[in-house]
PDB file of N, CA and C in Angstrom:
ATOM      1  N   MET A   1     191.629  55.340  -8.772  1.00  0.00           N
ATOM      2  CA  MET A   1     192.880  55.591  -9.425  1.00  0.00           C
ATOM      3  C   MET A   1     192.328  56.711 -10.510  1.00  0.00           C
ATOM      4  N   ASN A   2     193.083  57.777 -10.937  1.00  0.00           N
ATOM      5  CA  ASN A   2     192.619  58.992 -11.630  1.00  0.00           C
ATOM      6  C   ASN A   2     193.254  58.242 -13.157  1.00  0.00           C
ATOM      7  N   VAL A   3     192.675  57.123 -13.178  1.00  0.00           N
ATOM      8  CA  VAL A   3     193.714  56.960 -14.585  1.00  0.00           C
ATOM      9  C   VAL A   3     192.146  56.805 -16.065  1.00  0.00           C
ATOM     10  N   TYR A   4     192.419  57.670 -17.293  1.00  0.00           N
ATOM     11  CA  TYR A   4     191.372  57.556 -18.156  1.00  0.00           C
ATOM     12  C   TYR A   4     191.903  57.255 -19.682  1.00  0.00           C
ATOM     13  N   PHE A   5     191.060  56.937 -20.215  1.00  0.00           N
ATOM     14  CA  PHE A   5     191.470  55.784 -21.767  1.00  0.00           C
ATOM     15  C   PHE A   5     190.587  56.990 -22.803  1.00  0.00           C
ATOM     16  N   THR A   6     191.357  56.749 -23.848  1.00  0.00           N
ATOM     17  CA  THR A   6     190.938  57.351 -25.053  1.00  0.00           C
ATOM     18  C   THR A   6     190.399  55.985 -26.223  1.00  0.00           C
ATOM     19  N   LYS A   7     189.560  56.562 -27.239  1.00  0.00           N
ATOM     20  CA  LYS A   7     189.113  55.165 -27.660  1.00  0.00           C
ATOM     21  C   LYS A   7     190.584  54.806 -28.803  1.00  0.00           C
ATOM     22  N   ASP A   8     191.410  55.643 -28.907  1.00  0.00           N
ATOM     23  CA  ASP A   8     192.677  55.441 -29.431  1.00  0.00           C
ATOM     24  C   ASP A   8     193.702  54.699 -28.842  1.00  0.00           C
ATOM     25  N   HIS A   9     193.380  54.319 -27.721  1.00  0.00           N
ATOM     26  CA  HIS A   9     194.001  53.084 -26.646  1.00  0.00           C
ATOM     27  C   HIS A   9     195.328  54.083 -25.977  1.00  0.00           C
ATOM     28  N   GLU A  10     195.231  55.414 -25.952  1.00  0.00           N
ATOM     29  CA  GLU A  10     195.863  56.007 -25.053  1.00  0.00           C
ATOM     30  C   GLU A  10     195.041  56.030 -23.456  1.00  0.00           C
ATOM     31  N   TRP A  11     196.153  56.235 -22.648  1.00  0.00           N
ATOM     32  CA  TRP A  11     195.933  56.211 -21.262  1.00  0.00           C
ATOM     33  C   TRP A  11     196.480  57.333 -20.566  1.00  0.00           C
ATOM     34  N   ILE A  12     195.800  57.902 -19.405  1.00  0.00           N
ATOM     35  CA  ILE A  12     195.839  59.216 -19.000  1.00  0.00           C
ATOM     36  C   ILE A  12     196.113  59.155 -17.385  1.00  0.00           C
ATOM     37  N   ARG A  13     196.913  59.362 -16.557  1.00  0.00           N
ATOM     38  CA  ARG A  13     196.986  59.040 -15.141  1.00  0.00           C
ATOM     39  C   ARG A  13     197.375  60.569 -14.710  1.00  0.00           C
ATOM     40  N   ILE A  14     195.839  61.119 -14.095  1.00  0.00           N
ATOM     41  CA  ILE A  14     196.088  62.789 -13.397  1.00  0.00           C
ATOM     42  C   ILE A  14     196.585  62.240 -11.977  1.00  0.00           C
ATOM     43  N   GLU A  15     197.619  62.971 -11.854  1.00  0.00           N
ATOM     44  CA  GLU A  15     198.298  63.617 -10.461  1.00  0.00           C
ATOM     45  C   GLU A  15     198.057  64.998 -10.277  1.00  0.00           C
ATOM     46  N   GLY A  16     197.430  65.457  -9.609  1.00  0.00           N
ATOM     47  CA  GLY A  16     197.142  67.097  -9.610  1.00  0.00           C
ATOM     48  C   GLY A  16     197.352  67.622 -10.978  1.00  0.00           C
ATOM     49  N   GLY A  17     197.832  68.730 -11.374  1.00  0.00           N
ATOM     50  CA  GLY A  17     198.259  69.431 -12.812  1.00  0.00           C
ATOM     51  C   GLY A  17     198.842  68.457 -13.690  1.00  0.00           C
ATOM     52  N   THR A  18     199.273  67.623 -13.142  1.00  0.00           N
ATOM     53  CA  THR A  18     200.074  66.837 -14.373  1.00  0.00           C
ATOM     54  C   THR A  18     199.356  65.530 -14.759  1.00  0.00           C
ATOM     55  N   GLY A  19     199.869  65.010 -16.222  1.00  0.00           N
ATOM     56  CA  GLY A  19     199.036  64.041 -16.571  1.00  0.00           C
ATOM     57  C   GLY A  19     200.351  62.610 -17.408  1.00  0.00           C
ATOM     58  N   ILE A  20     200.308  61.972 -17.164  1.00  0.00           N
ATOM     59  CA  ILE A  20     201.350  61.181 -17.432  1.00  0.00           C
ATOM     60  C   ILE A  20     200.573  60.150 -18.758  1.00  0.00           C
ATOM     61  N   ILE A  21     201.470  59.960 -19.559  1.00  0.00           N
ATOM     62  CA  ILE A  21     200.567  59.529 -20.426  1.00  0.00           C
ATOM     63  C   ILE A  21     201.905  58.202 -21.249  1.00  0.00           C
ATOM     64  N   GLY A  22     200.420  56.958 -21.878  1.00  0.00           N
ATOM     65  CA  GLY A  22     201.134  55.957 -22.301  1.00  0.00           C
ATOM     66  C   GLY A  22     200.371  55.592 -22.973  1.00  0.00           C
ATOM     67  N   ILE A  23     200.527  54.258 -23.770  1.00  0.00           N
ATOM     68  CA  ILE A  23     199.529  53.096 -24.506  1.00  0.00           C
ATOM     69  C   ILE A  23     199.417  52.131 -23.795  1.00  0.00           C
ATOM     70  N   THR A  24     197.774  51.456 -23.912  1.00  0.00           N
ATOM     71  CA  THR A  24     197.074  50.516 -23.071  1.00  0.00           C
ATOM     72  C   THR A  24     197.815  49.310 -23.372  1.00  0.00           C
ATOM     73  N   GLU A  25     197.877  48.456 -22.664  1.00  0.00           N
ATOM     74  CA  GLU A  25     198.344  46.913 -23.082  1.00  0.00           C
ATOM     75  C   GLU A  25     197.463  46.347 -24.080  1.00  0.00           C
ATOM     76  N   TYR A  26     196.126  46.445 -24.713  1.00  0.00           N
ATOM     77  CA  TYR A  26     195.452  46.285 -25.708  1.00  0.00           C
ATOM     78  C   TYR A  26     196.618  46.576 -27.059  1.00  0.00           C
ATOM     79  N   ALA A  27     196.728  48.204 -26.978  1.00  0.00           N
ATOM     80  CA  ALA A  27     197.361  48.219 -27.789  1.00  0.00           C
ATOM     81  C   ALA A  27     198.800  48.138 -28.546  1.00  0.00           C
ATOM     82  N   ALA A  28     199.445  47.998 -26.812  1.00  0.00           N
ATOM     83  CA  ALA A  28     200.790  47.294 -27.036  1.00  0.00           C
ATOM     84  C   ALA A  28     200.536  46.259 -27.583  1.00  0.00           C
ATOM     85  N   ASN A  29     199.698  45.118 -26.985  1.00  0.00           N
ATOM     86  CA  ASN A  29     199.549  43.581 -27.823  1.00  0.00           C
ATOM     87  C   ASN A  29     198.894  44.278 -29.335  1.00  0.00           C
ATOM     88  N   GLN A  30     198.524  44.633 -29.759  1.00  0.00           N
ATOM     89  CA  GLN A  30     197.827  44.956 -31.173  1.00  0.00           C
ATOM     90  C   GLN A  30     199.262  45.377 -31.881  1.00  0.00           C
ATOM     91  N   LEU A  31     199.944  45.694 -31.515  1.00  0.00           N
ATOM     92  CA  LEU A  31     201.410  46.601 -32.343  1.00  0.00           C
ATOM     93  C   LEU A  31     202.531  45.399 -31.955  1.00  0.00           C
ATOM     94  N   GLY A  32     202.877  44.505 -31.344  1.00  0.00           N
ATOM     95  CA  GLY A  32     203.493  43.797 -31.220  1.00  0.00           C
ATOM     96  C   GLY A  32     204.878  43.849 -30.610  1.00  0.00           C
ATOM     97  N   ASP A  33     206.386  43.445 -30.822  1.00  0.00           N
ATOM     98  CA  ASP A  33     206.910  43.655 -30.603  1.00  0.00           C
ATOM     99  C   ASP A  33     207.421  44.934 -30.888  1.00  0.00           C
ATOM    100  N   ILE A  34     207.360  45.996 -29.256  1.00  0.00           N
ATOM    101  CA  ILE A  34     207.929  47.468 -30.002  1.00  0.00           C
ATOM    102  C   ILE A  34     209.607  47.572 -30.665  1.00  0.00           C
ATOM    103  N   THR A  35     209.462  48.169 -31.509  1.00  0.00           N
ATOM    104  CA  THR A  35     211.556  48.411 -31.891  1.00  0.00           C
ATOM    105  C   THR A  35     211.824  49.848 -31.333  1.00  0.00           C
ATOM    106  N   PHE A  36     210.902  50.811 -30.935  1.00  0.00           N
ATOM    107  CA  PHE A  36     211.638  51.831 -30.967  1.00  0.00           C
ATOM    108  C   PHE A  36     210.249  53.068 -30.772  1.00  0.00           C
ATOM    109  N   VAL A  37     210.576  54.390 -29.861  1.00  0.00           N
ATOM    110  CA  VAL A  37     210.145  55.258 -29.793  1.00  0.00           C
ATOM    111  C   VAL A  37     210.203  56.471 -29.763  1.00  0.00           C
ATOM    112  N   GLU A  38     209.766  57.439 -30.826  1.00  0.00           N
ATOM    113  CA  GLU A  38     209.595  58.451 -30.671  1.00  0.00           C
ATOM    114  C   GLU A  38     209.279  58.996 -29.568  1.00  0.00           C
ATOM    115  N   LEU A  39     209.988  59.598 -28.927  1.00  0.00           N
ATOM    116  CA  LEU A  39     209.875  60.345 -27.768  1.00  0.00           C
ATOM    117  C   LEU A  39     209.597  61.809 -28.236  1.00  0.00           C
ATOM    118  N   PRO A  40     208.517  62.534 -27.160  1.00  0.00           N
ATOM    119  CA  PRO A  40     208.293  63.909 -27.894  1.00  0.00           C
ATOM    120  C   PRO A  40     209.652  65.124 -26.928  1.00  0.00           C
ATOM    121  N   LYS A  41     209.309  66.483 -27.322  1.00  0.00           N
ATOM    122  CA  LYS A  41     210.124  67.457 -27.040  1.00  0.00           C
ATOM    123  C   LYS A  41     209.735  68.119 -25.642  1.00  0.00           C
ATOM    124  N   THR A  42     210.682  67.851 -24.449  1.00  0.00           N
ATOM    125  CA  THR A  42     210.077  68.359 -23.328  1.00  0.00           C
ATOM    126  C   THR A  42     209.824  69.796 -24.194  1.00  0.00           C
ATOM    127  N   GLY A  43     208.730  70.290 -23.506  1.00  0.00           N
ATOM    128  CA  GLY A  43     208.049  71.966 -23.622  1.00  0.00           C
ATOM    129  C   GLY A  43     207.289  71.944 -24.911  1.00  0.00           C
ATOM    130  N   LYS A  44     207.368  70.528 -25.591  1.00  0.00           N
ATOM    131  CA  LYS A  44     206.235  70.739 -26.721  1.00  0.00           C
ATOM    132  C   LYS A  44     204.764  70.914 -26.343  1.00  0.00           C
ATOM    133  N   ALA A  45     204.272  71.669 -26.661  1.00  0.00           N
ATOM    134  CA  ALA A  45     202.958  72.289 -26.443  1.00  0.00           C
ATOM    135  C   ALA A  45     202.038  71.107 -27.213  1.00  0.00           C
ATOM    136  N   VAL A  46     200.467  70.507 -26.558  1.00  0.00           N
ATOM    137  CA  VAL A  46     199.798  69.772 -27.428  1.00  0.00           C
ATOM    138  C   VAL A  46     198.591  70.162 -27.205  1.00  0.00           C
ATOM    139  N   LYS A  47     197.557  69.267 -27.772  1.00  0.00           N
ATOM    140  CA  LYS A  47     196.381  69.815 -27.988  1.00  0.00           C
ATOM    141  C   LYS A  47     195.504  68.322 -27.605  1.00  0.00           C
ATOM    142  N   ALA A  48     194.843  68.299 -27.056  1.00  0.00           N
ATOM    143  CA  ALA A  48     193.819  67.075 -27.101  1.00  0.00           C
ATOM    144  C   ALA A  48     193.525  66.226 -28.002  1.00  0.00           C
ATOM    145  N   GLY A  49     193.953  65.167 -28.689  1.00  0.00           N
ATOM    146  CA  GLY A  49     193.979  64.605 -30.051  1.00  0.00           C
ATOM    147  C   GLY A  49     195.306  64.725 -30.741  1.00  0.00           C
ATOM    148  N   ASP A  50     195.902  65.763 -30.852  1.00  0.00           N
ATOM    149  CA  ASP A  50     197.379  65.959 -31.327  1.00  0.00           C
ATOM    150  C   ASP A  50     198.554  64.720 -30.931  1.00  0.00           C
ATOM    151  N   ILE A  51     199.012  64.819 -32.512  1.00  0.00           N
ATOM    152  CA  ILE A  51     199.989  63.791 -32.074  1.00  0.00           C
ATOM    153  C   ILE A  51     200.808  63.777 -31.498  1.00  0.00           C
ATOM    154  N   LEU A  52     201.710  62.969 -30.071  1.00  0.00           N
ATOM    155  CA  LEU A  52     202.404  63.543 -29.195  1.00  0.00           C
ATOM    156  C   LEU A  52     203.770  62.994 -29.496  1.00  0.00           C
ATOM    157  N   CYS A  53     203.477  61.375 -30.152  1.00  0.00           N
ATOM    158  CA  CYS A  53     204.697  61.110 -30.454  1.00  0.00           C
ATOM    159  C   CYS A  53     204.605  59.506 -31.548  1.00  0.00           C
ATOM    160  N   SER A  54     205.585  58.962 -31.468  1.00  0.00           N
ATOM    161  CA  SER A  54     205.205  57.794 -32.969  1.00  0.00           C
ATOM    162  C   SER A  54     206.039  56.423 -31.779  1.00  0.00           C
ATOM    163  N   ILE A  55     205.141  55.636 -32.469  1.00  0.00           N
ATOM    164  CA  ILE A  55     205.593  54.273 -32.208  1.00  0.00           C
ATOM    165  C   ILE A  55     206.181  53.163 -33.136  1.00  0.00           C
ATOM    166  N   GLU A  56     207.006  52.375 -33.303  1.00  0.00           N
ATOM    167  CA  GLU A  56     207.628  51.682 -34.515  1.00  0.00           C
ATOM    168  C   GLU A  56     207.419  50.259 -33.139  1.00  0.00           C
ATOM    169  N   SER A  57     206.760  49.224 -34.268  1.00  0.00           N
ATOM    170  CA  SER A  57     207.131  47.998 -33.896  1.00  0.00           C
ATOM    171  C   SER A  57     207.041  46.933 -35.295  1.00  0.00           C
ATOM    172  N   VAL A  58     207.350  45.606 -34.966  1.00  0.00           N
ATOM    173  CA  VAL A  58     207.714  44.634 -36.026  1.00  0.00           C
ATOM    174  C   VAL A  58     206.877  45.119 -37.080  1.00  0.00           C
ATOM    175  N   LYS A  59     205.588  45.117 -36.440  1.00  0.00           N
ATOM    176  CA  LYS A  59     204.488  45.283 -36.939  1.00  0.00           C
ATOM    177  C   LYS A  59     204.079  46.570 -38.264  1.00  0.00           C
ATOM    178  N   ALA A  60     204.280  47.481 -37.246  1.00  0.00           N
ATOM    179  CA  ALA A  60     203.839  48.639 -37.825  1.00  0.00           C
ATOM    180  C   ALA A  60     204.247  50.259 -37.249  1.00  0.00           C
ATOM    181  N   ALA A  61     204.173  50.886 -37.548  1.00  0.00           N
ATOM    182  CA  ALA A  61     204.836  52.627 -36.764  1.00  0.00           C
ATOM    183  C   ALA A  61     203.571  53.342 -36.579  1.00  0.00           C
ATOM    184  N   SER A  62     203.062  53.315 -35.701  1.00  0.00           N
ATOM    185  CA  SER A  62     201.696  54.178 -34.946  1.00  0.00           C
ATOM    186  C   SER A  62     201.910  55.137 -34.084  1.00  0.00           C
ATOM    187  N   ASP A  63     201.230  56.430 -34.589  1.00  0.00           N
ATOM    188  CA  ASP A  63     200.960  57.668 -33.520  1.00  0.00           C
ATOM    189  C   ASP A  63     199.873  57.021 -32.146  1.00  0.00           C
ATOM    190  N   VAL A  64     201.722  58.051 -31.591  1.00  0.00           N
ATOM    191  CA  VAL A  64     200.244  58.282 -30.126  1.00  0.00           C
ATOM    192  C   VAL A  64     199.656  59.390 -29.974  1.00  0.00           C
ATOM    193  N   PHE A  65     198.432  59.736 -29.655  1.00  0.00           N
ATOM    194  CA  PHE A  65     198.111  60.986 -29.836  1.00  0.00           C
ATOM    195  C   PHE A  65     197.601  61.194 -28.418  1.00  0.00           C
ATOM    196  N   SER A  66     197.581  62.777 -28.111  1.00  0.00           N
ATOM    197  CA  SER A  66     197.570  63.299 -26.624  1.00  0.00           C
ATOM    198  C   SER A  66     196.124  63.119 -26.240  1.00  0.00           C
ATOM    199  N   PRO A  67     195.767  62.838 -24.608  1.00  0.00           N
ATOM    200  CA  PRO A  67     194.297  62.783 -24.343  1.00  0.00           C
ATOM    201  C   PRO A  67     193.932  64.086 -23.959  1.00  0.00           C
ATOM    202  N   LEU A  68     194.992  64.527 -23.745  1.00  0.00           N
ATOM    203  CA  LEU A  68     194.465  66.116 -23.080  1.00  0.00           C
ATOM    204  C   LEU A  68     195.194  66.955 -23.365  1.00  0.00           C
ATOM    205  N   SER A  69     195.137  67.965 -23.111  1.00  0.00           N
ATOM    206  CA  SER A  69     196.260  69.613 -23.559  1.00  0.00           C
ATOM    207  C   SER A  69     197.155  69.771 -22.702  1.00  0.00           C
ATOM    208  N   GLY A  70     197.962  69.953 -23.355  1.00  0.00           N
ATOM    209  CA  GLY A  70     199.260  70.610 -22.064  1.00  0.00           C
ATOM    210  C   GLY A  70     200.796  70.710 -23.120  1.00  0.00           C
ATOM    211  N   VAL A  71     201.304  70.960 -21.925  1.00  0.00           N
ATOM    212  CA  VAL A  71     203.353  71.039 -22.494  1.00  0.00           C
ATOM    213  C   VAL A  71     203.508  69.726 -21.908  1.00  0.00           C
ATOM    214  N   VAL A  72     204.970  69.381 -22.884  1.00  0.00           N
ATOM    215  CA  VAL A  72     205.518  68.271 -21.851  1.00  0.00           C
ATOM    216  C   VAL A  72     206.489  68.553 -21.548  1.00  0.00           C
ATOM    217  N   ASP A  73     206.484  68.056 -19.827  1.00  0.00           N
ATOM    218  CA  ASP A  73     207.560  68.225 -19.137  1.00  0.00           C
ATOM    219  C   ASP A  73     208.437  67.497 -18.153  1.00  0.00           C
ATOM    220  N   ARG A  74     208.198  66.200 -18.985  1.00  0.00           N
ATOM    221  CA  ARG A  74     208.898  64.985 -18.853  1.00  0.00           C
ATOM    222  C   ARG A  74     208.499  63.791 -20.077  1.00  0.00           C
ATOM    223  N   VAL A  75     209.828  62.986 -20.055  1.00  0.00           N
ATOM    224  CA  VAL A  75     209.688  62.187 -20.967  1.00  0.00           C
ATOM    225  C   VAL A  75     210.438  60.576 -20.201  1.00  0.00           C
ATOM    226  N   ASN A  76     209.744  59.454 -20.613  1.00  0.00           N
ATOM    227  CA  ASN A  76     210.558  58.238 -20.062  1.00  0.00           C
ATOM    228  C   ASN A  76     211.797  57.573 -21.007  1.00  0.00           C
ATOM    229  N   ASN A  77     212.956  58.764 -20.868  1.00  0.00           N
ATOM    230  CA  ASN A  77     214.180  58.553 -21.503  1.00  0.00           C
ATOM    231  C   ASN A  77     214.766  56.887 -21.360  1.00  0.00           C
ATOM    232  N   SER A  78     214.182  55.753 -20.808  1.00  0.00           N
ATOM    233  CA  SER A  78     214.761  54.265 -20.374  1.00  0.00           C
ATOM    234  C   SER A  78     214.088  54.079 -21.777  1.00  0.00           C
ATOM    235  N   LEU A  79     212.982  54.634 -22.528  1.00  0.00           N
ATOM    236  CA  LEU A  79     212.037  53.821 -23.755  1.00  0.00           C
ATOM    237  C   LEU A  79     213.113  53.781 -24.956  1.00  0.00           C
ATOM    238  N   GLU A  80     214.115  55.053 -24.828  1.00  0.00           N
ATOM    239  CA  GLU A  80     215.161  55.072 -25.203  1.00  0.00           C
ATOM    240  C   GLU A  80     216.026  53.747 -26.158  1.00  0.00           C
ATOM    241  N   LYS A  81     216.543  53.745 -24.760  1.00  0.00           N
ATOM    242  CA  LYS A  81     217.238  52.018 -24.474  1.00  0.00           C
ATOM    243  C   LYS A  81     216.696  50.898 -24.733  1.00  0.00           C
ATOM    244  N   ASP A  82     215.666  50.779 -24.082  1.00  0.00           N
ATOM    245  CA  ASP A  82     214.351  49.578 -23.836  1.00  0.00           C
ATOM    246  C   ASP A  82     213.240  49.698 -24.794  1.00  0.00           C
ATOM    247  N   PRO A  83     212.953  49.857 -25.848  1.00  0.00           N
ATOM    248  CA  PRO A  83     211.709  50.017 -25.833  1.00  0.00           C
ATOM    249  C   PRO A  83     210.586  49.273 -25.900  1.00  0.00           C
ATOM    250  N   GLY A  84     210.723  47.940 -25.259  1.00  0.00           N
ATOM    251  CA  GLY A  84     210.743  46.762 -24.780  1.00  0.00           C
ATOM    252  C   GLY A  84     209.053  46.835 -23.817  1.00  0.00           C
ATOM    253  N   LEU A  85     209.487  47.667 -22.918  1.00  0.00           N
ATOM    254  CA  LEU A  85     209.280  48.325 -21.665  1.00  0.00           C
ATOM    255  C   LEU A  85     207.430  48.683 -21.924  1.00  0.00           C
ATOM    256  N   VAL A  86     207.655  48.913 -23.370  1.00  0.00           N
ATOM    257  CA  VAL A  86     205.889  49.139 -23.629  1.00  0.00           C
ATOM    258  C   VAL A  86     205.274  47.972 -23.582  1.00  0.00           C
ATOM    259  N   ASN A  87     206.246  47.134 -23.921  1.00  0.00           N
ATOM    260  CA  ASN A  87     205.016  45.716 -24.190  1.00  0.00           C
ATOM    261  C   ASN A  87     205.006  45.071 -22.999  1.00  0.00           C
ATOM    262  N   ARG A  88     206.053  45.125 -22.119  1.00  0.00           N
ATOM    263  CA  ARG A  88     206.336  44.590 -20.981  1.00  0.00           C
ATOM    264  C   ARG A  88     205.629  45.103 -19.680  1.00  0.00           C
ATOM    265  N   ASP A  89     205.319  46.460 -19.588  1.00  0.00           N
ATOM    266  CA  ASP A  89     204.369  46.875 -18.525  1.00  0.00           C
ATOM    267  C   ASP A  89     203.627  48.443 -19.422  1.00  0.00           C
ATOM    268  N   PRO A  90     202.977  48.376 -20.344  1.00  0.00           N
ATOM    269  CA  PRO A  90     202.570  49.793 -20.769  1.00  0.00           C
ATOM    270  C   PRO A  90     201.779  50.802 -20.092  1.00  0.00           C
ATOM    271  N   GLU A  91     201.182  49.973 -18.745  1.00  0.00           N
ATOM    272  CA  GLU A  91     200.379  51.022 -18.348  1.00  0.00           C
ATOM    273  C   GLU A  91     201.191  51.511 -16.562  1.00  0.00           C
ATOM    274  N   HIS A  92     202.468  51.182 -16.623  1.00  0.00           N
ATOM    275  CA  HIS A  92     203.406  51.623 -15.605  1.00  0.00           C
ATOM    276  C   HIS A  92     204.517  52.058 -15.972  1.00  0.00           C
ATOM    277  N   GLU A  93     205.323  50.683 -16.271  1.00  0.00           N
ATOM    278  CA  GLU A  93     206.765  51.580 -16.394  1.00  0.00           C
ATOM    279  C   GLU A  93     207.165  52.171 -17.937  1.00  0.00           C
ATOM    280  N   GLY A  94     206.282  51.394 -18.321  1.00  0.00           N
ATOM    281  CA  GLY A  94     206.364  51.212 -20.006  1.00  0.00           C
ATOM    282  C   GLY A  94     205.767  52.950 -20.026  1.00  0.00           C
ATOM    283  N   TRP A  95     205.103  54.273 -19.302  1.00  0.00           N
ATOM    284  CA  TRP A  95     204.595  55.341 -19.629  1.00  0.00           C
ATOM    285  C   TRP A  95     205.589  55.547 -20.610  1.00  0.00           C
ATOM    286  N   ILE A  96     205.216  56.766 -21.848  1.00  0.00           N
ATOM    287  CA  ILE A  96     205.898  57.674 -22.090  1.00  0.00           C
ATOM    288  C   ILE A  96     206.424  59.029 -22.121  1.00  0.00           C
ATOM    289  N   ALA A  97     205.141  59.901 -21.937  1.00  0.00           N
ATOM    290  CA  ALA A  97     205.584  61.526 -21.254  1.00  0.00           C
ATOM    291  C   ALA A  97     204.773  61.768 -20.275  1.00  0.00           C
ATOM    292  N   SER A  98     204.868  63.314 -19.694  1.00  0.00           N
ATOM    293  CA  SER A  98     204.084  63.597 -18.857  1.00  0.00           C
ATOM    294  C   SER A  98     203.821  65.034 -19.067  1.00  0.00           C
ATOM    295  N   LEU A  99     202.535  65.709 -18.707  1.00  0.00           N
ATOM    296  CA  LEU A  99     202.106  67.116 -19.185  1.00  0.00           C
ATOM    297  C   LEU A  99     201.789  67.847 -17.865  1.00  0.00           C
ATOM    298  N   LYS A 100     202.237  69.138 -18.394  1.00  0.00           N
ATOM    299  CA  LYS A 100     201.746  69.987 -17.417  1.00  0.00           C
ATOM    300  C   LYS A 100     200.350  70.253 -18.360  1.00  0.00           C
ATOM    301  N   LEU A 101     199.392  69.730 -17.289  1.00  0.00           N
ATOM    302  CA  LEU A 101     197.907  70.142 -17.803  1.00  0.00           C
ATOM    303  C   LEU A 101     197.448  71.558 -18.395  1.00  0.00           C
ATOM    304  N   ALA A 102     197.075  71.560 -19.294  1.00  0.00           N
ATOM    305  CA  ALA A 102     196.228  73.081 -19.623  1.00  0.00           C
ATOM    306  C   ALA A 102     194.919  72.873 -18.963  1.00  0.00           C
ATOM    307  N   ASP A 103     193.928  72.380 -18.835  1.00  0.00           N
ATOM    308  CA  ASP A 103     192.855  71.992 -18.422  1.00  0.00           C
ATOM    309  C   ASP A 103     192.179  70.843 -17.928  1.00  0.00           C
ATOM    310  N   PRO A 104     192.461  70.312 -16.764  1.00  0.00           N
ATOM    311  CA  PRO A 104     192.168  68.679 -16.143  1.00  0.00           C
ATOM    312  C   PRO A 104     190.962  68.428 -16.431  1.00  0.00           C
ATOM    313  N   ALA A 105     189.887  69.415 -16.045  1.00  0.00           N
ATOM    314  CA  ALA A 105     188.411  69.671 -16.760  1.00  0.00           C
ATOM    315  C   ALA A 105     188.316  68.303 -17.899  1.00  0.00           C
ATOM    316  N   GLU A 106     189.186  68.813 -19.131  1.00  0.00           N
ATOM    317  CA  GLU A 106     189.155  67.952 -20.162  1.00  0.00           C
ATOM    318  C   GLU A 106     188.493  66.168 -20.425  1.00  0.00           C
ATOM    319  N   LYS A 107     189.625  66.227 -18.904  1.00  0.00           N
ATOM    320  CA  LYS A 107     188.798  64.641 -18.703  1.00  0.00           C
ATOM    321  C   LYS A 107     187.950  64.206 -19.502  1.00  0.00           C
ATOM    322  N   SER A 108     186.418  64.655 -19.088  1.00  0.00           N
ATOM    323  CA  SER A 108     185.345  64.556 -18.964  1.00  0.00           C
ATOM    324  C   SER A 108     185.071  63.530 -20.090  1.00  0.00           C
ATOM    325  N   VAL A 109     185.541  64.243 -21.466  1.00  0.00           N
ATOM    326  CA  VAL A 109     185.238  63.218 -22.576  1.00  0.00           C
ATOM    327  C   VAL A 109     185.732  62.031 -23.026  1.00  0.00           C
ATOM    328  N   LEU A 110     187.061  61.356 -21.358  1.00  0.00           N
ATOM    329  CA  LEU A 110     187.697  60.548 -21.712  1.00  0.00           C
ATOM    330  C   LEU A 110     186.776  59.358 -20.822  1.00  0.00           C
ATOM    331  N   MET A 111     187.044  57.847 -20.896  1.00  0.00           N
ATOM    332  CA  MET A 111     186.468  56.771 -20.235  1.00  0.00           C
ATOM    333  C   MET A 111     187.403  56.627 -19.579  1.00  0.00           C
ATOM    334  N   ASP A 112     186.367  56.087 -18.085  1.00  0.00           N
ATOM    335  CA  ASP A 112     187.089  55.302 -16.858  1.00  0.00           C
ATOM    336  C   ASP A 112     187.425  54.097 -17.673  1.00  0.00           C
ATOM    337  N   ARG A 113     188.630  53.415 -16.623  1.00  0.00           N
ATOM    338  CA  ARG A 113     188.691  51.998 -16.334  1.00  0.00           C
ATOM    339  C   ARG A 113     187.536  50.822 -17.283  1.00  0.00           C
ATOM    340  N   GLN A 114     186.210  51.156 -16.187  1.00  0.00           N
ATOM    341  CA  GLN A 114     185.182  50.448 -16.550  1.00  0.00           C
ATOM    342  C   GLN A 114     184.713  50.415 -18.183  1.00  0.00           C
ATOM    343  N   TYR A 115     184.693  51.430 -18.519  1.00  0.00           N
ATOM    344  CA  TYR A 115     183.905  51.824 -19.683  1.00  0.00           C
ATOM    345  C   TYR A 115     184.842  51.509 -20.933  1.00  0.00           C
ATOM    346  N   TYR A 116     186.388  51.903 -20.470  1.00  0.00           N
ATOM    347  CA  TYR A 116     187.146  51.415 -21.683  1.00  0.00           C
ATOM    348  C   TYR A 116     187.497  49.674 -21.545  1.00  0.00           C
ATOM    349  N   ASP A 117     187.269  48.964 -20.405  1.00  0.00           N
ATOM    350  CA  ASP A 117     187.406  47.873 -20.555  1.00  0.00           C
ATOM    351  C   ASP A 117     186.135  46.993 -21.745  1.00  0.00           C
ATOM    352  N   SER A 118     184.593  47.649 -21.387  1.00  0.00           N
ATOM    353  CA  SER A 118     183.642  47.629 -22.343  1.00  0.00           C
ATOM    354  C   SER A 118     184.319  47.593 -23.773  1.00  0.00           C
ATOM    355  N   PHE A 119     184.508  48.890 -24.207  1.00  0.00           N
ATOM    356  CA  PHE A 119     184.817  49.135 -25.027  1.00  0.00           C
ATOM    357  C   PHE A 119     185.520  48.654 -26.223  1.00  0.00           C
ATOM    358  N   ILE A 120     186.797  47.879 -25.331  1.00  0.00           N
ATOM    359  CA  ILE A 120     187.676  46.610 -25.983  1.00  0.00           C
ATOM    360  C   ILE A 120     187.375  45.308 -25.852  1.00  0.00           C
ATOM    361  N   LYS A 121     186.256  45.078 -25.296  1.00  0.00           N
ATOM    362  CA  LYS A 121     185.642  43.648 -25.405  1.00  0.00           C
ATOM    363  C   LYS A 121     184.855  43.734 -26.870  1.00  0.00           C
ATOM    364  N   GLY A 122     184.092  45.233 -27.139  1.00  0.00           N
ATOM    365  CA  GLY A 122     183.146  44.756 -28.461  1.00  0.00           C
ATOM    366  C   GLY A 122     184.585  44.859 -29.737  1.00  0.00           C
ATOM    367  N   LEU A 123     185.859  45.118 -29.609  1.00  0.00           N
ATOM    368  CA  LEU A 123     186.430  45.255 -30.831  1.00  0.00           C
ATOM    369  C   LEU A 123     186.995  43.660 -30.440  1.00  0.00           C
ATOM    370  N   ILE A 124     186.891  42.911 -29.884  1.00  0.00           N
ATOM    371  CA  ILE A 124     187.694  41.500 -30.070  1.00  0.00           C
ATOM    372  C   ILE A 124     186.784  40.205 -30.574  1.00  0.00           C
TER     373      ILE A 124
END
């Protein structure tokens, strides 16, 4: 699968010229019970590393950074009523936003699943 990860614990699943973004299971567990997701606005342009949105939990507020550059073309409106989806299924149903990618080749700086899993083992 075309899923890539950042050191800030975001993931992006690339499907053609689109990238679906969320936070990893590790990040969701670190945050604890998520109480609010501030979704980005559709049409927002971001560069790789820019703040995409923020997430609030019982423990902390945290920024979510865009893994790649592009323009937000969809958001997961289900998170407005049920932000806990991010805790229950962070890498699928708990996705946050979708980008029309500016340059899918930017993914070359991101980690694949195996490398990311090794990376988080070093954090535990």
